[in-house]
């Protein structure tokens, strides 16, 4: 992923990044985009913006505990299927697994969106977007999302680069966190005041940097063919690579441009409940991920919680798109930090008119 693009518009490439100087931020704000460079670890000009953490005096509502062991188990069960790349047996089994898990939870409606999409290499890929809904009768809704497929190539590895990866973190972690939130909602006596929807996007990681819009095929399809047809949400939170040990989740640039108040709410919440070490108040480059297509195609302001450390190289972690992305990289403490933060956010969202 080393393509560079400079123009006024969002170039649809998987997890692209560009570090802004102060002047570049002004240009970005004026024209919506200055430039995007692949965040595969290639050199970029980097600056970070430190934001403040304003005091929030409003007391927090009672929130159920997020079970990190259960979330870890959900990740482990996915990885046990093997590499879940499109059109593979493991991919089929994993989709069935997610659907069956969700259907066994109480208080939830499950819908499946089957589709096909042409990959950059001409292959026709079979995909399934899976949607779970809680409190469907409530108008004000928050959308949580993650992708469940894995990368069919280890393009960042030094060996076996043409073989698929297990994707414990890049794919498995976000799904594991959402499944645990779904389980918590189904068994808890406390319920959020708002409606909660979850989308498990497919075909996110089968792409090529030289082909525009070749990543995030599931979110592109859903954005153009919303399910339900007139669906909307107050805002959304995407989880991608959300479970690695000692991960840092800086404030992703596209999220800061399109939904700064949502970013502020989530990061402030993390600091309030003791997980500030995972959520530094640092703004980093825009990353083109599923949230970009949700924003562009549905006008739902969705942010991205994605591992991105400003310390040294390898912003997504040395495991990223390699065969090292296995259960050894998953940290229960990270799953807890992200899962509990998101749980606090949705439980403390008031059901006021939008």
Protein backbone atom coordinates (compact mmCIF):
# COMPACT_ATOMS: atom_id res chain seq x y z
CA UNK A 1 0.00 0.00 0.00
CA UNK A 2 2.22 2.74 -1.21
CA UNK A 3 0.10 4.69 -3.63
CA UNK A 4 -0.01 8.45 -3.26
CA UNK A 5 -2.92 10.61 -4.33
CA UNK A 6 -3.36 14.36 -4.20
CA UNK A 7 -6.66 15.88 -5.17
CA UNK A 8 -9.82 17.40 -3.75
CA UNK A 9 -11.96 14.45 -2.79
CA UNK A 10 -11.62 11.29 -0.76
CA UNK A 11 -9.63 8.58 -2.49
CA UNK A 12 -11.17 5.28 -1.48
CA UNK A 13 -8.16 3.23 -0.43
CA UNK A 14 -7.94 0.93 2.55
CA UNK A 15 -6.60 2.59 5.72
CA UNK A 16 -4.74 5.44 4.06
CA UNK A 17 -3.01 8.10 6.09
CA UNK A 18 -1.35 11.46 5.81
CA UNK A 19 0.24 13.41 8.64
CA UNK A 20 -0.65 17.10 8.54
CA UNK A 21 1.44 20.13 9.29
CA UNK A 22 -0.45 23.06 10.73
CA UNK A 23 -0.73 24.61 7.29
CA UNK A 24 -1.95 21.33 5.82
CA UNK A 25 -4.71 21.15 8.36
CA UNK A 26 -5.96 24.52 7.21
CA UNK A 27 -5.94 23.37 3.61
CA UNK A 28 -7.65 20.14 4.63
CA UNK A 29 -10.37 21.98 6.46
CA UNK A 30 -10.97 24.25 3.50
CA UNK A 31 -11.01 21.63 0.76
CA UNK A 32 -11.97 18.52 2.82
CA UNK A 33 -8.81 16.72 1.82
CA UNK A 34 -5.20 17.64 1.18
CA UNK A 35 -3.64 14.25 0.47
CA UNK A 36 -3.55 10.62 1.45
CA UNK A 37 -0.58 8.32 1.74
CA UNK A 38 -0.73 4.63 2.55
CA UNK A 39 -0.33 3.88 6.23
CA UNK A 40 1.64 0.70 5.58
CA UNK A 41 4.59 2.15 7.46
CA UNK A 42 6.08 4.09 4.55
CA UNK A 43 7.53 7.45 5.48
CA UNK A 44 5.19 10.32 6.17
CA UNK A 45 5.58 13.81 7.55
CA UNK A 46 4.07 13.55 10.98
CA UNK A 47 2.67 15.97 13.51
CA UNK A 48 0.17 15.36 16.24
CA UNK A 49 -2.40 17.65 17.75
CA UNK A 50 -2.99 17.50 21.47
CA UNK A 51 -6.55 18.30 22.43
CA UNK A 52 -7.90 19.13 25.84
CA UNK A 53 -10.03 17.00 28.08
CA UNK A 54 -12.77 19.30 29.38
CA UNK A 55 -14.22 18.42 32.75
CA UNK A 56 -17.54 16.61 32.54
CA UNK A 57 -19.46 16.94 35.78
CA UNK A 58 -22.60 15.08 34.83
CA UNK A 59 -22.71 11.80 36.77
CA UNK A 60 -22.49 8.61 34.76
CA UNK A 61 -25.44 6.25 34.58
CA UNK A 62 -25.20 2.64 35.79
CA UNK A 63 -23.48 0.53 33.14
CA UNK A 64 -23.00 -3.26 33.04
CA UNK A 65 -19.46 -4.58 33.15
CA UNK A 66 -17.82 -5.60 29.89
CA UNK A 67 -16.42 -9.13 30.22
CA UNK A 68 -12.95 -9.21 28.69
CA UNK A 69 -12.66 -13.00 29.00
CA UNK A 70 -15.87 -13.51 27.05
CA UNK A 71 -14.72 -11.06 24.34
CA UNK A 72 -11.39 -12.86 24.13
CA UNK A 73 -13.21 -16.16 23.71
CA UNK A 74 -15.27 -14.72 20.85
CA UNK A 75 -12.03 -13.69 19.09
CA UNK A 76 -10.50 -17.09 19.77
CA UNK A 77 -13.49 -18.92 18.28
CA UNK A 78 -13.22 -16.93 15.07
CA UNK A 79 -9.49 -17.55 14.72
CA UNK A 80 -10.09 -21.28 15.24
CA UNK A 81 -11.85 -21.34 11.86
CA UNK A 82 -8.59 -20.23 10.22
CA UNK A 83 -8.08 -17.41 7.75
CA UNK A 84 -11.54 -16.00 7.00
CA UNK A 85 -10.87 -14.59 3.55
CA UNK A 86 -13.75 -14.33 1.04
CA UNK A 87 -14.99 -17.46 -0.74
CA UNK A 88 -13.13 -19.76 1.65
CA UNK A 89 -14.68 -22.44 3.85
CA UNK A 90 -13.51 -20.60 6.96
CA UNK A 91 -15.22 -17.45 5.71
CA UNK A 92 -18.51 -19.29 5.27
CA UNK A 93 -18.25 -20.90 8.70
CA UNK A 94 -17.42 -17.61 10.40
CA UNK A 95 -20.38 -15.81 8.88
CA UNK A 96 -22.64 -18.64 10.05
CA UNK A 97 -21.03 -18.46 13.49
CA UNK A 98 -21.72 -14.72 13.90
CA UNK A 99 -25.32 -15.08 12.73
CA UNK A 100 -26.01 -18.03 15.02
CA UNK A 101 -24.41 -16.33 18.02
CA UNK A 102 -26.51 -13.23 17.55
CA UNK A 103 -29.72 -15.20 17.06
CA UNK A 104 -29.17 -16.98 20.37
CA UNK A 105 -29.04 -13.67 22.23
CA UNK A 106 -32.29 -12.27 23.64
CA UNK A 107 -33.72 -8.85 22.77
CA UNK A 108 -32.17 -8.79 19.32
CA UNK A 109 -33.32 -8.84 15.69
CA UNK A 110 -30.90 -10.19 13.10
CA UNK A 111 -30.87 -9.41 9.38
CA UNK A 112 -28.46 -10.68 6.73
CA UNK A 113 -27.61 -8.87 3.52
CA UNK A 114 -26.21 -11.25 0.91
CA UNK A 115 -24.37 -9.71 -2.03
CA UNK A 116 -21.64 -10.30 -4.58
CA UNK A 117 -18.88 -7.90 -5.52
CA UNK A 118 -16.12 -7.89 -8.10
CA UNK A 119 -12.65 -7.79 -6.56
CA UNK A 120 -9.73 -5.81 -7.98
CA UNK A 121 -8.32 -9.01 -9.51
CA UNK A 122 -11.56 -9.88 -11.30
CA UNK A 123 -12.76 -12.52 -8.83
CA UNK A 124 -16.41 -12.47 -7.86
CA UNK A 125 -16.65 -12.49 -4.08
CA UNK A 126 -19.63 -13.65 -2.07
CA UNK A 127 -20.33 -11.38 0.88
CA UNK A 128 -22.68 -11.10 3.83
CA UNK A 129 -23.31 -7.98 5.86
CA UNK A 130 -24.86 -8.98 9.18
CA UNK A 131 -27.00 -6.53 11.16
CA UNK A 132 -28.20 -6.90 14.75
CA UNK A 133 -30.71 -4.47 16.29
CA UNK A 134 -31.67 -3.77 19.91
CA UNK A 135 -34.69 -1.67 20.89
CA UNK A 136 -35.90 -1.42 17.27
CA UNK A 137 -38.89 0.67 18.32
CA UNK A 138 -36.72 3.59 19.53
CA UNK A 139 -36.11 6.31 16.96
CA UNK A 140 -32.77 7.58 18.24
CA UNK A 141 -30.14 4.99 17.30
CA UNK A 142 -26.39 4.50 17.50
CA UNK A 143 -24.61 2.28 15.00
CA UNK A 144 -21.64 0.09 16.00
CA UNK A 145 -19.63 -1.67 13.32
CA UNK A 146 -16.66 -3.92 12.59
CA UNK A 147 -15.52 -6.05 9.67
CA UNK A 148 -15.36 -9.82 9.99
CA UNK A 149 -13.36 -10.94 6.94
CA UNK A 150 -9.57 -11.24 6.91
CA UNK A 151 -6.80 -10.28 4.52
CA UNK A 152 -6.13 -12.94 1.84
CA UNK A 153 -2.46 -11.91 1.53
CA UNK A 154 0.34 -11.32 4.04
CA UNK A 155 1.59 -8.37 2.02
CA UNK A 156 3.48 -6.80 4.95
CA UNK A 157 5.31 -10.00 5.87
CA UNK A 158 8.79 -11.06 4.79
CA UNK A 159 7.73 -14.56 3.84
CA UNK A 160 4.65 -16.42 2.59
CA UNK A 161 3.34 -13.11 1.35
CA UNK A 162 0.79 -14.73 -0.96
CA UNK A 163 -0.85 -16.71 1.86
CA UNK A 164 -3.83 -15.47 3.92
CA UNK A 165 -3.47 -14.26 7.50
CA UNK A 166 -5.42 -15.29 10.59
CA UNK A 167 -6.46 -11.73 11.37
CA UNK A 168 -6.95 -12.12 15.12
CA UNK A 169 -6.77 -8.37 15.56
CA UNK A 170 -7.51 -7.12 12.04
CA UNK A 171 -11.00 -8.56 11.82
CA UNK A 172 -11.39 -10.74 14.90
CA UNK A 173 -11.05 -8.17 17.68
CA UNK A 174 -13.75 -5.77 16.57
CA UNK A 175 -16.20 -8.63 16.07
CA UNK A 176 -15.33 -10.09 19.46
CA UNK A 177 -16.00 -6.78 21.20
CA UNK A 178 -19.33 -6.29 19.42
CA UNK A 179 -20.45 -9.83 20.19
CA UNK A 180 -19.70 -9.26 23.87
CA UNK A 181 -21.61 -5.97 23.86
CA UNK A 182 -24.50 -7.80 22.19
CA UNK A 183 -24.37 -10.54 24.83
CA UNK A 184 -24.26 -7.92 27.59
CA UNK A 185 -27.28 -6.10 26.19
CA UNK A 186 -29.20 -9.36 25.97
CA UNK A 187 -28.67 -10.39 29.60
CA UNK A 188 -28.48 -7.07 31.45
CA UNK A 189 -31.38 -5.69 33.45
CA UNK A 190 -30.08 -2.21 32.69
CA UNK A 191 -30.80 -1.10 29.16
CA UNK A 192 -29.67 1.98 27.22
CA UNK A 193 -32.23 4.69 26.53
CA UNK A 194 -31.52 4.53 22.82
CA UNK A 195 -31.68 1.92 20.06
CA UNK A 196 -28.45 0.09 19.24
CA UNK A 197 -27.60 -1.43 15.87
CA UNK A 198 -24.52 -3.43 14.96
CA UNK A 199 -23.24 -4.11 11.48
CA UNK A 200 -20.64 -6.76 10.81
CA UNK A 201 -19.27 -5.68 7.43
CA UNK A 202 -17.88 -8.22 4.99
CA UNK A 203 -15.27 -7.90 2.20
CA UNK A 204 -13.38 -5.07 3.86
CA UNK A 205 -9.84 -6.36 3.47
CA UNK A 206 -9.73 -7.80 -0.07
CA UNK A 207 -8.24 -4.90 -2.00
CA UNK A 208 -5.29 -3.43 -3.81
CA UNK A 209 -3.85 0.05 -3.40
CA UNK A 210 -3.61 0.70 -7.10
CA UNK A 211 -7.35 0.15 -7.57
CA UNK A 212 -9.64 2.85 -6.14
CA UNK A 213 -12.54 1.65 -3.98
CA UNK A 214 -11.29 -1.95 -3.98
CA UNK A 215 -11.38 -2.17 -0.19
CA UNK A 216 -14.43 -1.87 2.08
CA UNK A 217 -16.74 -3.57 -0.42
CA UNK A 218 -19.27 -4.54 2.24
CA UNK A 219 -19.72 -1.04 3.63
CA UNK A 220 -19.90 0.34 0.10
CA UNK A 221 -22.67 -2.11 -0.75
CA UNK A 222 -24.59 -1.40 2.46
CA UNK A 223 -24.20 2.35 2.00
CA UNK A 224 -25.74 2.12 -1.46
CA UNK A 225 -28.37 -0.45 -0.43
CA UNK A 226 -29.18 0.36 3.17
CA UNK A 227 -30.79 -2.32 5.28
CA UNK A 228 -33.41 -1.38 6.44
CA UNK A 229 -34.07 0.84 3.44
CA UNK A 230 -34.56 4.12 5.30
CA UNK A 231 -32.11 3.41 8.08
CA UNK A 232 -30.34 6.26 9.82
CA UNK A 233 -28.47 6.71 13.09
CA UNK A 234 -27.51 9.59 15.35
CA UNK A 235 -23.87 8.57 14.95
CA UNK A 236 -21.70 5.49 14.50
CA UNK A 237 -18.56 3.93 15.97
CA UNK A 238 -16.37 1.61 13.91
CA UNK A 239 -13.97 -0.81 15.63
CA UNK A 240 -10.99 -1.97 13.58
CA UNK A 241 -7.83 -3.53 15.02
CA UNK A 242 -9.16 -2.87 18.50
CA UNK A 243 -7.62 -5.62 20.62
CA UNK A 244 -3.82 -5.73 20.41
CA UNK A 245 -1.74 -5.68 23.56
CA UNK A 246 -0.67 -2.17 24.60
CA UNK A 247 -2.55 -0.60 21.68
CA UNK A 248 -2.93 3.16 21.38
CA UNK A 249 -6.01 4.64 19.75
CA UNK A 250 -5.18 8.14 18.59
CA UNK A 251 -7.92 10.38 17.22
CA UNK A 252 -8.19 9.48 13.53
CA UNK A 253 -8.19 12.47 11.18
CA UNK A 254 -11.26 11.70 9.07
CA UNK A 255 -13.30 11.12 12.22
CA UNK A 256 -12.13 14.48 13.56
CA UNK A 257 -13.23 16.18 10.36
CA UNK A 258 -16.68 14.59 10.08
CA UNK A 259 -17.69 13.84 13.69
CA UNK A 260 -15.45 15.71 16.15
CA UNK A 261 -18.10 15.80 18.87
CA UNK A 262 -18.42 12.00 18.75
CA UNK A 263 -14.64 11.60 19.00
CA UNK A 264 -14.59 14.03 21.93
CA UNK A 265 -17.36 12.13 23.69
CA UNK A 266 -15.69 8.72 23.27
CA UNK A 267 -12.18 9.83 24.24
CA UNK A 268 -13.43 11.82 27.22
CA UNK A 269 -15.41 8.80 28.38
CA UNK A 270 -12.33 6.58 28.15
CA UNK A 271 -10.43 9.02 30.35
CA UNK A 272 -13.27 9.34 32.83
CA UNK A 273 -13.51 5.61 33.45
CA UNK A 274 -9.78 4.97 33.66
CA UNK A 275 -8.72 3.95 30.16
CA UNK A 276 -7.08 7.17 29.07
CA UNK A 277 -3.77 5.39 28.53
CA UNK A 278 -5.31 3.58 25.58
CA UNK A 279 -6.94 6.72 24.16
CA UNK A 280 -4.36 9.53 23.93
CA UNK A 281 -5.59 13.00 23.00
CA UNK A 282 -3.56 13.06 19.80
CA UNK A 283 -4.91 13.65 16.31
CA UNK A 284 -3.36 11.62 13.52
CA UNK A 285 -3.82 11.15 9.81
CA UNK A 286 -7.07 10.31 8.03
CA UNK A 287 -7.52 6.60 7.40
CA UNK A 288 -9.88 5.36 4.72
CA UNK A 289 -11.80 2.57 6.38
CA UNK A 290 -15.44 1.43 6.49
CA UNK A 291 -16.43 4.59 8.38
CA UNK A 292 -15.53 6.75 5.36
CA UNK A 293 -18.11 5.02 3.14
CA UNK A 294 -20.75 5.12 5.87
CA UNK A 295 -20.16 8.86 6.19
CA UNK A 296 -20.15 9.51 2.47
CA UNK A 297 -23.00 7.24 1.39
CA UNK A 298 -25.41 7.55 4.32
CA UNK A 299 -24.52 10.85 6.05
CA UNK A 300 -24.25 8.99 9.35
CA UNK A 301 -21.32 10.59 11.23
CA UNK A 302 -19.24 7.51 12.04
CA UNK A 303 -15.84 7.56 13.75
CA UNK A 304 -13.09 4.96 13.72
CA UNK A 305 -11.50 3.46 16.83
CA UNK A 306 -8.40 1.96 15.26
CA UNK A 307 -4.96 1.21 16.60
CA UNK A 308 -2.61 3.97 15.55
CA UNK A 309 0.40 4.83 17.63
CA UNK A 310 2.42 7.98 16.97
CA UNK A 311 5.43 6.45 18.70
CA UNK A 312 7.97 5.22 16.17
CA UNK A 313 7.17 3.32 13.00
CA UNK A 314 4.65 0.58 12.39
CA UNK A 315 1.64 2.68 13.32
CA UNK A 316 -0.76 -0.27 13.14
CA UNK A 317 1.60 -2.61 14.97
CA UNK A 318 4.30 -4.90 13.61
CA UNK A 319 1.77 -7.73 13.27
CA UNK A 320 -0.39 -5.84 10.74
CA UNK A 321 -1.03 -7.79 7.51
CA UNK A 322 1.49 -10.43 8.57
CA UNK A 323 1.27 -13.99 9.85
CA UNK A 324 1.97 -12.64 13.34
CA UNK A 325 -1.62 -11.37 13.55
CA UNK A 326 -2.67 -14.32 15.71
CA UNK A 327 -4.00 -14.78 19.24
CA UNK A 328 -0.58 -13.93 20.68
CA UNK A 329 -1.13 -10.24 19.85
CA UNK A 330 -4.55 -10.00 21.54
CA UNK A 331 -4.66 -8.35 24.96
CA UNK A 332 -7.64 -8.81 27.24
CA UNK A 333 -6.94 -5.44 28.82
CA UNK A 334 -7.29 -3.74 25.44
CA UNK A 335 -10.53 -5.54 24.67
CA UNK A 336 -11.79 -4.37 28.07
CA UNK A 337 -10.69 -0.77 27.52
CA UNK A 338 -12.43 -0.47 24.16
CA UNK A 339 -15.49 -2.54 25.06
CA UNK A 340 -16.14 -0.82 28.38
CA UNK A 341 -15.65 2.61 26.85
CA UNK A 342 -18.14 1.95 24.05
CA UNK A 343 -20.58 0.41 26.54
CA UNK A 344 -20.37 3.51 28.73
CA UNK A 345 -20.91 5.75 25.72
CA UNK A 346 -24.09 4.04 24.53
CA UNK A 347 -25.54 3.70 28.03
CA UNK A 348 -24.97 7.37 28.77
CA UNK A 349 -26.54 8.58 25.51
CA UNK A 350 -29.81 10.34 26.32
CA UNK A 351 -32.92 9.68 24.26
CA UNK A 352 -33.60 13.24 23.23
CA UNK A 353 -35.06 14.36 19.93
CA UNK A 354 -32.45 14.39 17.20
